[in-house]
Amino acid sequence: MQRTGDFISRAVAPPFGEKRGAGLHALVLAVGIVAMWVTTSGLTTAKSATVLSVVFPCYLVIVLAITVFGGPLFGIAAAVTAALLENYYFIQPLHSFAISSSTDIAVLVSFLAFSITAGVAFNSFSKNARAAAHSRSQAEVLKRAAATVATFYDQPQPLLDAIGELFDLRDVRLVPTSDQSANFWHLSVNESTSLRIDAREFSPHDWSLLEMLCDRIAVSLREQELRAETVAAQAIRAADKLRTGLLRSVSHDLRTPLASIRANVSSLLAHDVVWAETERQAFLQSIEQEVDRLTRLVSDLLDASRLEAGVVTPRLVEVALDDVIASALETIDTHNRSLIITLNDTLPELKTDPTLLERVLANLISNACRFSPIDQAVTIRAGHDANVIRIEIVDRGPGADLANLATLVSPFQRDDDSAPGVGLGLSVAIGFLELLNGRAEFSETEGGGLTVMLEIPWSQA
């Protein structure tokens, strides 16, 4: 632990506590003089026959008070002064320091010894009481500091606040080790960080406590580093998972349509075979379907990378929902499923990005058509309230594992491994929906199937 500071400046300009101590001593001296004078004047005016029985307690109270607030030296000086005043004003012969009676001498010496002893003992008791109160205060602050450490084990700032409160410090902060500012103590926390605190006197016990707290701060900083390393490792694992999924999709889902296209084109280009027109149309339709499939795959991959990079920015315009749904239906294969579309006549126009919303609807409607039985219609209905438009897409297919919904909407995840695609479409759709400040809710369709309910603000700032 390093303790550095500008001792020259501290010697020239004493700490605030020392200034306050000198002022207190001057005040005690002034008050003591006034109290002695007032007491002496009052007692000499009383003319009591038993004046000594009253004089001694009065002066003793003043001596004890001066001892408590001024210290033992002030107390001894006050006791001697009180004894001289008693001798001069109240012991025969009056107005003289001579003492005619040996009894008076014994009484005065006893008063002097008792007042000095009582003052010193009372001063020691007061110090111990103040120390005990301070210790209780420290224990309370340490208890709160321990609770803070338990709650914020990887956050050093609450512990720095506790140190400032515990030692009544105005400046407590973590600084680089190279920063050795004057007029401060710098306590080493680790190789690169120091704890900077006000330069003032600390007891050996306080230094030990500060050293222990510095060790705890070092642990908090290390926890922060470990957490940052964990987050970085998780990001690396996520990126590796993304790359692995991409390679898997390229090796299978992209090669399969390419192989089909190549086989159909090779068949059409064969010179030794004459194909009927119906056969040629079948080859061309197959090529067109595979090209559409490739287009969707590549679009999903590009959209996923744009979402991952955070470069997708919605362009908000006023648009009617039925126009967006019609555009989405033009881009998908309904797999010969029938659609039942029910839109509320009072639907307001949305202020949204129609391209992103179209991609969301196209993906969800395409999935519903793909998995619905051929004899069951897919239902699309929409309504609204004061804040959002709600769109429901209902199918009668096999449904989905809602318990693993978080996995299902992750990239390269599919509820049915036999289904075509790389599992990016739903992830992209949810990503676009979040950019539009919307949300999706998945539930089972009554009687079997999956219902997807979208909520989209129809007016966005």
Protein backbone atom coordinates (compact mmCIF):
# COMPACT_ATOMS: atom_id res chain seq x y z
CA MET A 1 0.00 0.00 0.00
CA GLN A 2 1.41 3.38 -1.02
CA ARG A 3 0.92 6.51 1.08
CA THR A 4 2.02 9.63 -0.79
CA GLY A 5 1.12 13.27 -0.24
CA ASP A 6 2.40 16.84 -0.24
CA PHE A 7 3.64 17.08 3.34
CA ILE A 8 5.03 20.61 2.84
CA SER A 9 1.68 22.08 1.91
CA ARG A 10 0.00 20.18 4.74
CA ALA A 11 2.50 21.62 7.26
CA VAL A 12 1.95 25.17 6.04
CA ALA A 13 -1.84 24.82 5.87
CA PRO A 14 -3.01 22.60 8.76
CA PRO A 15 -6.00 20.36 8.15
CA PHE A 16 -9.48 21.68 8.86
CA GLY A 17 -9.76 19.58 12.03
CA GLU A 18 -6.64 21.21 13.57
CA LYS A 19 -7.98 24.71 12.91
CA ARG A 20 -11.22 23.78 14.57
CA GLY A 21 -9.29 22.38 17.65
CA ALA A 22 -7.32 25.65 18.17
CA GLY A 23 -10.52 27.66 17.96
CA LEU A 24 -12.22 25.39 20.49
CA HIS A 25 -9.34 25.78 22.96
CA ALA A 26 -9.53 29.55 22.70
CA LEU A 27 -13.26 29.42 23.29
CA VAL A 28 -12.86 27.16 26.33
CA LEU A 29 -10.24 29.53 27.77
CA ALA A 30 -12.49 32.54 27.30
CA VAL A 31 -15.58 30.82 28.71
CA GLY A 32 -13.56 29.47 31.65
CA ILE A 33 -12.28 32.91 32.58
CA VAL A 34 -15.79 34.39 32.39
CA ALA A 35 -17.26 31.48 34.41
CA MET A 36 -14.60 31.84 37.12
CA TRP A 37 -15.22 35.59 37.37
CA VAL A 38 -19.02 35.29 37.45
CA THR A 39 -18.89 32.49 40.06
CA THR A 40 -16.43 34.38 42.26
CA SER A 41 -18.49 37.56 42.06
CA GLY A 42 -21.71 35.74 42.90
CA LEU A 43 -20.22 33.84 45.84
CA THR A 44 -18.51 36.87 47.38
CA THR A 45 -21.81 38.74 47.23
CA ALA A 46 -23.73 35.94 48.96
CA LYS A 47 -21.98 36.45 52.35
CA SER A 48 -23.00 32.94 53.42
CA ALA A 49 -21.79 31.69 56.75
CA THR A 50 -21.26 28.24 55.28
CA VAL A 51 -19.79 29.60 52.08
CA LEU A 52 -17.06 26.94 51.69
CA SER A 53 -19.67 24.17 51.45
CA VAL A 54 -21.07 26.01 48.41
CA VAL A 55 -17.83 27.36 46.95
CA PHE A 56 -16.09 24.04 46.38
CA PRO A 57 -18.91 22.35 44.34
CA CYS A 58 -19.39 25.47 42.21
CA TYR A 59 -15.73 25.66 41.27
CA LEU A 60 -15.58 21.86 40.83
CA VAL A 61 -18.33 21.99 38.18
CA ILE A 62 -16.40 24.65 36.27
CA VAL A 63 -13.15 22.64 36.50
CA LEU A 64 -14.84 19.48 35.20
CA ALA A 65 -16.43 21.33 32.31
CA ILE A 66 -13.13 22.94 31.30
CA THR A 67 -11.37 19.55 31.52
CA VAL A 68 -13.94 17.86 29.27
CA PHE A 69 -13.87 20.50 26.53
CA GLY A 70 -10.29 21.74 26.85
CA GLY A 71 -8.35 18.67 27.94
CA PRO A 72 -6.34 17.68 31.03
CA LEU A 73 -3.90 20.61 30.87
CA PHE A 74 -6.72 23.12 30.79
CA GLY A 75 -8.36 21.20 33.65
CA ILE A 76 -5.24 21.33 35.84
CA ALA A 77 -4.84 25.04 35.15
CA ALA A 78 -8.51 25.60 36.02
CA ALA A 79 -8.15 23.61 39.29
CA VAL A 80 -5.10 25.63 40.37
CA THR A 81 -6.89 28.88 39.49
CA ALA A 82 -10.00 27.81 41.41
CA ALA A 83 -7.87 26.92 44.47
CA LEU A 84 -6.16 30.33 44.39
CA LEU A 85 -9.51 32.13 44.10
CA GLU A 86 -10.92 30.13 47.01
CA ASN A 87 -7.88 30.95 49.13
CA TYR A 88 -7.94 34.66 48.29
CA TYR A 89 -11.67 35.31 48.64
CA PHE A 90 -13.06 32.68 51.00
CA ILE A 91 -10.32 31.42 53.41
CA GLN A 92 -9.16 33.51 56.36
CA PRO A 93 -7.42 35.87 56.20
CA LEU A 94 -9.45 37.19 53.25
CA HIS A 95 -7.83 38.94 50.26
CA SER A 96 -4.55 37.27 51.01
CA PHE A 97 -2.90 34.05 49.92
CA ALA A 98 -1.87 33.28 53.49
CA ILE A 99 -3.77 30.52 55.36
CA SER A 100 -4.19 30.79 59.09
CA SER A 101 -5.67 27.37 59.81
CA SER A 102 -4.08 24.01 59.08
CA THR A 103 -7.58 22.66 58.56
CA ASP A 104 -8.15 25.14 55.74
CA ILE A 105 -4.85 24.08 54.20
CA ALA A 106 -5.95 20.42 54.24
CA VAL A 107 -9.33 21.29 52.81
CA LEU A 108 -7.82 23.35 50.00
CA VAL A 109 -5.23 20.70 49.13
CA SER A 110 -7.95 18.06 49.15
CA PHE A 111 -10.07 20.18 46.82
CA LEU A 112 -7.12 20.66 44.48
CA ALA A 113 -6.26 16.94 44.41
CA PHE A 114 -9.88 15.87 44.05
CA SER A 115 -10.69 18.35 41.28
CA ILE A 116 -7.60 17.40 39.28
CA THR A 117 -8.21 13.66 39.71
CA ALA A 118 -11.92 13.95 38.97
CA GLY A 119 -11.29 16.16 35.94
CA VAL A 120 -8.75 13.76 34.43
CA ALA A 121 -10.97 10.75 35.11
CA PHE A 122 -14.03 12.50 33.71
CA ASN A 123 -12.05 13.54 30.63
CA SER A 124 -10.91 9.95 30.09
CA PHE A 125 -14.47 8.71 30.51
CA SER A 126 -15.71 11.26 27.96
CA LYS A 127 -13.04 10.20 25.47
CA ASN A 128 -13.95 6.56 25.89
CA ALA A 129 -17.65 7.38 25.44
CA ARG A 130 -16.92 9.32 22.27
CA ALA A 131 -14.69 6.50 21.00
CA ALA A 132 -17.44 3.97 21.73
CA ALA A 133 -19.99 6.12 19.89
CA HIS A 134 -17.58 6.45 16.97
CA SER A 135 -17.00 2.70 16.97
CA ARG A 136 -20.75 2.08 16.90
CA SER A 137 -21.07 4.51 14.01
CA GLN A 138 -18.23 2.77 12.17
CA ALA A 139 -19.79 -0.63 12.81
CA GLU A 140 -23.10 0.59 11.38
CA VAL A 141 -21.40 1.96 8.27
CA LEU A 142 -19.37 -1.24 7.89
CA LYS A 143 -22.58 -3.27 8.14
CA ARG A 144 -24.09 -1.21 5.35
CA ALA A 145 -20.86 -1.52 3.37
CA ALA A 146 -20.96 -5.30 3.77
CA ALA A 147 -24.56 -5.34 2.55
CA THR A 148 -23.51 -3.16 -0.38
CA VAL A 149 -20.65 -5.50 -1.26
CA ALA A 150 -22.99 -8.50 -1.11
CA THR A 151 -25.51 -6.77 -3.38
CA PHE A 152 -23.13 -5.03 -5.79
CA TYR A 153 -20.21 -7.44 -5.75
CA ASP A 154 -18.95 -6.30 -9.15
CA GLN A 155 -19.61 -2.56 -8.72
CA PRO A 156 -16.91 -0.64 -6.78
CA GLN A 157 -18.75 2.71 -6.61
CA PRO A 158 -21.10 1.77 -3.73
CA LEU A 159 -18.03 0.64 -1.78
CA LEU A 160 -16.28 3.95 -2.52
CA ASP A 161 -19.34 5.78 -1.18
CA ALA A 162 -19.20 3.65 1.98
CA ILE A 163 -15.50 4.52 2.48
CA GLY A 164 -16.29 8.22 2.16
CA GLU A 165 -19.04 7.94 4.77
CA LEU A 166 -17.01 5.73 7.09
CA PHE A 167 -13.99 8.05 7.29
CA ASP A 168 -15.81 11.35 6.60
CA LEU A 169 -13.85 11.92 3.37
CA ARG A 170 -14.85 14.46 0.73
CA ASP A 171 -12.91 12.93 -2.17
CA VAL A 172 -12.83 9.14 -2.73
CA ARG A 173 -12.23 7.87 -6.25
CA LEU A 174 -10.34 5.34 -8.33
CA VAL A 175 -7.56 6.77 -10.49
CA PRO A 176 -4.78 5.31 -12.68
CA THR A 177 -1.68 4.39 -10.72
CA SER A 178 0.29 6.97 -12.73
CA ASP A 179 -1.93 9.77 -11.37
CA GLN A 180 -0.17 10.86 -8.15
CA SER A 181 -2.02 14.10 -7.34
CA ALA A 182 -0.68 16.29 -4.54
CA ASN A 183 -2.57 16.69 -1.24
CA PHE A 184 -4.02 13.17 -1.49
CA TRP A 185 -3.20 9.70 -0.27
CA HIS A 186 -2.92 7.11 -3.04
CA LEU A 187 -3.54 3.50 -1.96
CA SER A 188 -2.69 0.76 -4.41
CA VAL A 189 -5.67 -1.38 -5.51
CA ASN A 190 -4.04 -3.33 -8.33
CA GLU A 191 -1.26 -2.86 -10.86
CA SER A 192 -3.13 -0.20 -12.84
CA THR A 193 -5.50 1.39 -10.30
CA SER A 194 -5.13 3.35 -7.06
CA LEU A 195 -7.62 4.61 -4.51
CA ARG A 196 -7.32 8.38 -4.04
CA ILE A 197 -8.55 9.83 -0.74
CA ASP A 198 -8.17 13.06 1.23
CA ALA A 199 -4.74 13.44 2.85
CA ARG A 200 -5.37 13.35 6.60
CA GLU A 201 -4.17 11.43 9.62
CA PHE A 202 -5.37 7.86 10.05
CA SER A 203 -4.82 5.49 12.95
CA PRO A 204 -3.10 2.11 12.35
CA HIS A 205 -6.51 0.49 12.71
CA ASP A 206 -7.91 2.79 10.00
CA TRP A 207 -5.02 1.97 7.66
CA SER A 208 -5.66 -1.75 8.14
CA LEU A 209 -9.33 -1.24 7.40
CA LEU A 210 -8.54 0.82 4.29
CA GLU A 211 -6.16 -1.87 3.08
CA MET A 212 -8.87 -4.51 3.52
CA LEU A 213 -11.37 -2.35 1.62
CA CYS A 214 -8.83 -1.81 -1.18
CA ASP A 215 -8.51 -5.57 -1.50
CA ARG A 216 -12.31 -5.81 -1.78
CA ILE A 217 -12.34 -3.10 -4.46
CA ALA A 218 -9.70 -5.10 -6.35
CA VAL A 219 -12.04 -8.10 -6.23
CA SER A 220 -14.91 -5.97 -7.60
CA LEU A 221 -12.73 -4.71 -10.45
CA ARG A 222 -11.68 -8.26 -11.23
CA GLU A 223 -15.36 -9.32 -11.25
CA GLN A 224 -16.02 -6.57 -13.80
CA GLU A 225 -13.16 -7.84 -15.96
CA LEU A 226 -14.42 -11.42 -15.74
CA ARG A 227 -17.94 -10.35 -16.64
CA ALA A 228 -16.64 -8.40 -19.64
CA GLU A 229 -14.60 -11.42 -20.71
CA THR A 230 -17.68 -13.63 -20.32
CA VAL A 231 -19.78 -11.29 -22.47
CA ALA A 232 -17.02 -11.22 -25.09
CA ALA A 233 -16.77 -15.02 -25.02
CA GLN A 234 -20.54 -15.33 -25.41
CA ALA A 235 -20.43 -12.98 -28.38
CA ILE A 236 -17.69 -15.09 -29.94
CA ARG A 237 -19.69 -18.27 -29.35
CA ALA A 238 -22.78 -16.64 -30.87
CA ALA A 239 -20.74 -15.57 -33.90
CA ASP A 240 -19.31 -19.08 -34.23
CA LYS A 241 -22.82 -20.51 -34.03
CA LEU A 242 -23.95 -18.07 -36.73
CA ARG A 243 -21.05 -19.01 -38.97
CA THR A 244 -21.66 -22.71 -38.39
CA GLY A 245 -25.32 -22.33 -39.28
CA LEU A 246 -24.42 -20.32 -42.36
CA LEU A 247 -21.98 -22.96 -43.56
CA ARG A 248 -24.57 -25.67 -42.95
CA SER A 249 -27.17 -23.75 -44.93
CA VAL A 250 -24.74 -23.11 -47.78
CA SER A 251 -23.73 -26.75 -47.90
CA HIS A 252 -27.29 -28.08 -48.03
CA ASP A 253 -30.11 -25.59 -48.46
CA LEU A 254 -28.34 -23.58 -51.16
CA ARG A 255 -26.81 -26.52 -53.00
CA THR A 256 -30.08 -28.43 -53.19
CA PRO A 257 -31.97 -25.87 -55.33
CA LEU A 258 -28.84 -25.26 -57.42
CA ALA A 259 -28.57 -28.99 -58.11
CA SER A 260 -32.24 -29.12 -59.09
CA ILE A 261 -31.86 -26.12 -61.41
CA ARG A 262 -28.76 -27.63 -62.99
CA ALA A 263 -30.51 -30.98 -63.57
CA ASN A 264 -33.56 -29.31 -65.17
CA VAL A 265 -31.42 -27.06 -67.39
CA SER A 266 -29.27 -30.03 -68.45
CA SER A 267 -32.41 -31.95 -69.35
CA LEU A 268 -33.70 -29.07 -71.48
CA LEU A 269 -30.33 -28.71 -73.22
CA ALA A 270 -30.04 -32.41 -74.04
CA HIS A 271 -29.85 -32.83 -77.88
CA ASP A 272 -30.76 -36.49 -77.95
CA VAL A 273 -34.16 -36.06 -76.30
CA VAL A 274 -37.23 -34.34 -77.70
CA TRP A 275 -39.41 -33.06 -74.86
CA ALA A 276 -43.12 -32.48 -75.18
CA GLU A 277 -44.37 -28.95 -74.44
CA THR A 278 -45.97 -30.06 -71.17
CA GLU A 279 -42.65 -31.57 -70.07
CA ARG A 280 -40.76 -28.41 -71.01
CA GLN A 281 -43.21 -26.34 -68.98
CA ALA A 282 -42.76 -28.66 -66.00
CA PHE A 283 -38.96 -28.22 -66.19
CA LEU A 284 -39.31 -24.42 -66.41
CA GLN A 285 -41.78 -24.27 -63.51
CA SER A 286 -39.41 -26.33 -61.41
CA ILE A 287 -36.56 -23.98 -62.27
CA GLU A 288 -38.70 -20.97 -61.39
CA GLN A 289 -39.66 -22.48 -58.02
CA GLU A 290 -36.05 -23.25 -57.16
CA VAL A 291 -34.97 -19.75 -58.20
CA ASP A 292 -37.67 -18.30 -55.93
CA ARG A 293 -36.44 -20.55 -53.15
CA LEU A 294 -32.85 -19.37 -53.67
CA THR A 295 -33.99 -15.76 -53.72
CA ARG A 296 -35.75 -16.18 -50.38
CA LEU A 297 -32.73 -17.89 -48.84
CA VAL A 298 -30.30 -15.25 -50.02
CA SER A 299 -32.66 -12.44 -48.95
CA ASP A 300 -32.98 -13.97 -45.48
CA LEU A 301 -29.20 -14.30 -45.18
CA LEU A 302 -28.67 -10.69 -46.25
CA ASP A 303 -31.41 -9.43 -43.94
CA ALA A 304 -30.01 -11.42 -41.02
CA SER A 305 -26.55 -9.93 -41.57
CA ARG A 306 -28.04 -6.41 -41.79
CA LEU A 307 -29.92 -6.94 -38.55
CA GLU A 308 -26.80 -8.33 -36.88
CA ALA A 309 -24.81 -5.28 -38.01
CA GLY A 310 -27.56 -2.89 -36.89
CA VAL A 311 -27.76 -1.08 -40.23
CA VAL A 312 -31.51 -1.47 -40.85
CA THR A 313 -33.28 1.86 -40.38
CA PRO A 314 -37.08 2.02 -40.74
CA ARG A 315 -38.46 4.63 -43.13
CA LEU A 316 -41.84 5.63 -41.74
CA VAL A 317 -44.66 6.61 -44.10
CA GLU A 318 -48.46 6.57 -43.98
CA VAL A 319 -49.76 3.32 -45.51
CA ALA A 320 -52.98 1.28 -45.48
CA LEU A 321 -52.73 -2.22 -43.97
CA ASP A 322 -54.69 -3.87 -46.80
CA ASP A 323 -52.13 -2.54 -49.30
CA VAL A 324 -49.27 -4.02 -47.29
CA ILE A 325 -51.03 -7.40 -47.04
CA ALA A 326 -51.72 -7.41 -50.79
CA SER A 327 -48.05 -6.66 -51.55
CA ALA A 328 -46.94 -9.43 -49.16
CA LEU A 329 -49.22 -11.98 -50.83
CA GLU A 330 -47.73 -11.16 -54.24
CA THR A 331 -44.27 -12.23 -53.05
CA ILE A 332 -45.07 -15.64 -51.51
CA ASP A 333 -46.18 -19.09 -52.54
CA THR A 334 -49.47 -19.91 -50.80
CA HIS A 335 -49.03 -23.60 -51.68
CA ASN A 336 -52.57 -23.60 -53.11
CA ARG A 337 -54.06 -22.84 -49.69
CA SER A 338 -57.10 -20.62 -49.52
CA LEU A 339 -56.98 -17.43 -47.48
CA ILE A 340 -59.74 -15.79 -45.46
CA ILE A 341 -58.90 -12.12 -44.92
CA THR A 342 -61.07 -10.10 -42.53
CA LEU A 343 -60.07 -6.47 -41.91
CA ASN A 344 -61.96 -3.99 -39.76
CA ASP A 345 -63.42 -1.24 -41.94
CA THR A 346 -62.36 1.42 -39.43
CA LEU A 347 -58.67 0.50 -39.48
CA PRO A 348 -56.56 3.68 -39.48
CA GLU A 349 -53.55 4.08 -41.72
CA LEU A 350 -50.26 3.01 -40.17
CA LYS A 351 -47.21 5.20 -39.90
CA THR A 352 -44.63 2.49 -40.45
CA ASP A 353 -42.05 1.11 -42.87
CA PRO A 354 -44.18 -0.78 -45.44
CA THR A 355 -41.22 -2.74 -46.80
CA LEU A 356 -40.25 -4.15 -43.40
CA LEU A 357 -43.87 -4.84 -42.44
CA GLU A 358 -44.41 -6.57 -45.80
CA ARG A 359 -41.45 -8.87 -45.09
CA VAL A 360 -42.85 -9.69 -41.65
CA LEU A 361 -46.31 -10.55 -43.00
CA ALA A 362 -44.93 -12.43 -46.00
CA ASN A 363 -42.82 -14.66 -43.79
CA LEU A 364 -45.59 -15.45 -41.29
CA ILE A 365 -48.31 -15.98 -43.92
CA SER A 366 -45.94 -18.16 -45.98
CA ASN A 367 -45.19 -20.32 -42.93
CA ALA A 368 -48.91 -20.65 -42.16
CA CYS A 369 -49.66 -21.72 -45.73
CA ARG A 370 -46.77 -24.16 -45.79
CA PHE A 371 -47.87 -26.04 -42.68
CA SER A 372 -51.68 -25.84 -43.00
CA PRO A 373 -53.58 -28.85 -44.39
CA ILE A 374 -54.57 -28.44 -48.04
CA ASP A 375 -58.27 -28.38 -47.14
CA GLN A 376 -57.97 -25.83 -44.33
CA ALA A 377 -57.93 -22.09 -45.00
CA VAL A 378 -55.44 -19.71 -43.41
CA THR A 379 -57.20 -16.84 -41.66
CA ILE A 380 -55.86 -13.28 -41.57
CA ARG A 381 -57.80 -10.77 -39.49
CA ALA A 382 -57.02 -7.32 -38.10
CA GLY A 383 -58.50 -4.84 -35.65
CA HIS A 384 -57.26 -1.90 -33.61
CA ASP A 385 -57.61 0.13 -30.44
CA ALA A 386 -56.42 3.59 -29.45
CA ASN A 387 -52.74 2.67 -29.70
CA VAL A 388 -52.06 -0.42 -31.80
CA ILE A 389 -53.26 -2.43 -34.74
CA ARG A 390 -53.57 -6.16 -34.04
CA ILE A 391 -53.07 -8.67 -36.84
CA GLU A 392 -53.78 -12.37 -36.34
CA ILE A 393 -52.53 -15.10 -38.69
CA VAL A 394 -54.26 -18.40 -37.90
CA ASP A 395 -53.43 -21.80 -39.37
CA ARG A 396 -54.64 -25.34 -38.71
CA GLY A 397 -51.30 -27.07 -39.04
CA PRO A 398 -49.37 -29.17 -36.51
CA GLY A 399 -48.60 -26.13 -34.34
CA ALA A 400 -45.23 -25.40 -32.73
CA ASP A 401 -43.36 -26.18 -29.53
CA LEU A 402 -44.20 -22.98 -27.63
CA ALA A 403 -42.06 -24.09 -24.69
CA ASN A 404 -39.00 -23.62 -26.93
CA LEU A 405 -40.20 -20.39 -28.52
CA ALA A 406 -36.95 -18.55 -27.79
CA THR A 407 -35.04 -21.24 -29.67
CA LEU A 408 -37.56 -21.25 -32.49
CA VAL A 409 -37.11 -17.55 -33.27
CA SER A 410 -33.30 -17.81 -33.15
CA PRO A 411 -31.33 -17.86 -36.41
CA PHE A 412 -30.92 -21.27 -38.10
CA GLN A 413 -33.56 -22.91 -35.88
CA ARG A 414 -36.62 -24.76 -37.22
CA ASP A 415 -39.43 -26.51 -35.42
CA ASP A 416 -39.50 -29.13 -38.19
CA ASP A 417 -36.08 -30.21 -39.49
CA SER A 418 -37.68 -31.75 -42.55
CA ALA A 419 -39.05 -28.39 -43.69
CA PRO A 420 -37.12 -26.48 -46.34
CA GLY A 421 -35.15 -23.35 -45.54
CA VAL A 422 -32.36 -22.39 -43.18
CA GLY A 423 -34.50 -21.27 -40.27
CA LEU A 424 -33.76 -17.58 -40.77
CA GLY A 425 -37.16 -16.31 -41.92
CA LEU A 426 -38.87 -16.18 -38.52
CA SER A 427 -35.79 -14.65 -36.89
CA VAL A 428 -35.66 -11.95 -39.55
CA ALA A 429 -39.41 -11.30 -39.24
CA ILE A 430 -39.18 -10.84 -35.46
CA GLY A 431 -36.13 -8.60 -35.89
CA PHE A 432 -37.96 -6.37 -38.38
CA LEU A 433 -41.03 -6.31 -36.14
CA GLU A 434 -38.96 -5.07 -33.18
CA LEU A 435 -37.53 -2.28 -35.37
CA LEU A 436 -41.15 -1.19 -35.96
CA ASN A 437 -41.73 -1.13 -32.16
CA GLY A 438 -44.05 -4.10 -32.52
CA ARG A 439 -44.27 -7.44 -30.82
CA ALA A 440 -45.43 -10.96 -31.65
CA GLU A 441 -47.35 -13.39 -29.48
CA PHE A 442 -47.59 -17.11 -30.36
CA SER A 443 -50.42 -19.31 -29.12
CA GLU A 444 -52.16 -22.57 -29.98
CA THR A 445 -55.14 -22.34 -32.32
CA GLU A 446 -58.27 -23.75 -30.78
CA GLY A 447 -58.77 -27.14 -32.42
CA GLY A 448 -55.09 -27.39 -33.48
CA GLY A 449 -52.62 -25.17 -35.24
CA LEU A 450 -50.69 -21.99 -34.52
CA THR A 451 -51.95 -18.43 -34.09
CA VAL A 452 -49.53 -15.51 -34.40
CA MET A 453 -50.80 -12.18 -33.08
CA LEU A 454 -48.90 -9.03 -34.05
CA GLU A 455 -49.24 -5.70 -32.29
CA ILE A 456 -47.91 -2.67 -34.19
CA PRO A 457 -48.31 0.99 -33.16
CA TRP A 458 -50.37 2.66 -35.88
CA SER A 459 -48.86 6.07 -35.07
CA GLN A 460 -45.15 6.39 -34.27
CA ALA A 461 -43.19 9.53 -33.43
